[in-house]
Structures are given as C-alpha cells and as structure tokens.
Protein backbone atom coordinates (compact mmCIF):
# COMPACT_ATOMS: atom_id res chain seq x y z
CA MET A 1 10.76 -11.28 -7.96
CA PRO A 2 8.48 -10.81 -5.27
CA LEU A 3 8.13 -7.57 -3.30
CA LYS A 4 8.99 -7.57 0.39
CA ALA A 5 6.92 -5.60 3.09
CA ASP A 6 9.80 -2.92 3.58
CA GLU A 7 10.05 -2.35 0.05
CA ILE A 8 6.17 -1.76 -0.05
CA LYS A 9 6.55 0.74 2.65
CA ARG A 10 9.24 2.53 1.10
CA HIS A 11 7.34 3.14 -2.09
CA ILE A 12 4.06 4.35 -0.30
CA LEU A 13 6.11 6.73 1.93
CA GLU A 14 7.79 8.26 -1.11
CA ASP A 15 4.18 9.51 -2.02
CA ILE A 16 2.32 9.51 1.11
CA PRO A 17 5.07 10.86 3.51
CA ASP A 18 3.01 10.99 6.68
CA ALA A 19 1.58 7.40 6.23
CA SER A 20 1.54 4.85 9.03
CA ILE A 21 1.50 1.65 7.41
CA GLU A 22 0.98 -2.00 8.82
CA ILE A 23 1.47 -4.93 6.32
CA LYS A 24 0.91 -8.31 6.96
CA ASP A 25 2.23 -11.15 4.50
CA LEU A 26 -0.71 -13.27 4.42
CA MET A 27 0.74 -16.37 2.76
CA GLY A 28 4.46 -16.15 3.87
CA ASP A 29 5.51 -15.92 0.14
CA ASN A 30 6.08 -12.11 0.02
CA ASN A 31 3.53 -11.93 -2.87
CA HIS A 32 -0.07 -11.55 -0.87
CA TYR A 33 -0.28 -9.09 1.43
CA SER A 34 -2.75 -6.88 3.56
CA ALA A 35 -2.22 -3.45 4.52
CA ILE A 36 -3.78 -0.89 6.86
CA ILE A 37 -2.65 2.63 5.75
CA LYS A 38 -3.45 5.99 7.64
CA SER A 39 -2.80 9.35 5.93
CA LYS A 40 -3.84 13.04 6.28
CA LEU A 41 -3.69 12.96 2.65
CA PHE A 42 -6.76 10.74 2.46
CA LYS A 43 -8.89 13.43 3.66
CA GLY A 44 -11.92 14.38 1.59
CA MET A 45 -11.18 11.49 -0.70
CA SER A 46 -13.27 8.41 -1.50
CA LYS A 47 -12.07 4.98 -0.80
CA ILE A 48 -11.55 4.45 -4.52
CA GLN A 49 -9.28 7.42 -4.76
CA GLN A 50 -7.53 6.48 -1.76
CA HIS A 51 -6.66 3.20 -2.98
CA LYS A 52 -5.90 4.77 -6.36
CA LEU A 53 -3.26 6.98 -4.82
CA VAL A 54 -1.74 3.88 -2.78
CA TYR A 55 -1.47 1.68 -6.00
CA LYS A 56 0.13 4.65 -7.96
CA SER A 57 2.82 4.87 -5.27
CA LEU A 58 3.70 1.23 -6.18
CA LYS A 59 4.96 2.51 -9.54
CA GLY A 60 3.52 -0.43 -11.51
CA LYS A 61 4.67 -3.18 -9.48
CA MET A 62 1.09 -4.26 -8.70
CA GLY A 63 0.21 -7.28 -10.55
CA TYR A 64 3.65 -7.92 -11.56
CA GLU A 65 6.39 -8.12 -8.71
CA LEU A 66 3.27 -7.77 -6.18
CA HIS A 67 0.65 -10.26 -6.85
CA ALA A 68 -2.17 -9.31 -4.09
CA LEU A 69 -2.52 -6.38 -2.00
CA SER A 70 -5.67 -6.05 0.32
CA LEU A 71 -6.05 -2.55 1.32
CA THR A 72 -7.85 -0.73 4.17
CA THR A 73 -7.27 2.86 4.15
CA GLU A 74 -8.00 5.64 6.73
CA GLU A 75 -7.94 9.40 7.57
CA LYS A 76 -5.38 10.16 10.20
C-alpha cells in the first residue's frame, strides 16, 4: 500500500520534531515524492548524514510502501 504525504510528514516529525517539510507527489501515485526538509538537527551533519536521519525516520518503509523519495535537506 502506498504511503501518503501526510504519513511521510508524520513519520519524519516523530524523529525530527522541529522539521519544516514540503512534499510533492511527483507522479500523482502516492509512491514517488520529492521533499524539502529543514531542521536545526542537521547542523554540523554532512548531506549523507542528514539523508540517513530522514530515511531512518521512515522506519523501513523506504523501498517498500514508499518507492521513491528525492530529498533536499537544509539547516534551519
């Protein structure tokens, strides 16, 4: 079952509570998204570490319920 944008936001906010999140459904299928995520928690982290933190917050859904998520992460 595909993951809806509001569910993705909820998962991310559980682990990154100060995040501001913009999500776009790229194909209209609830399965291919792009996201811009800004957080103070990203301070001092490399882009790879930031992305790993976001993917970890999705609790194993990436690649299964969520097929594709293009990430842009930024410090607040």
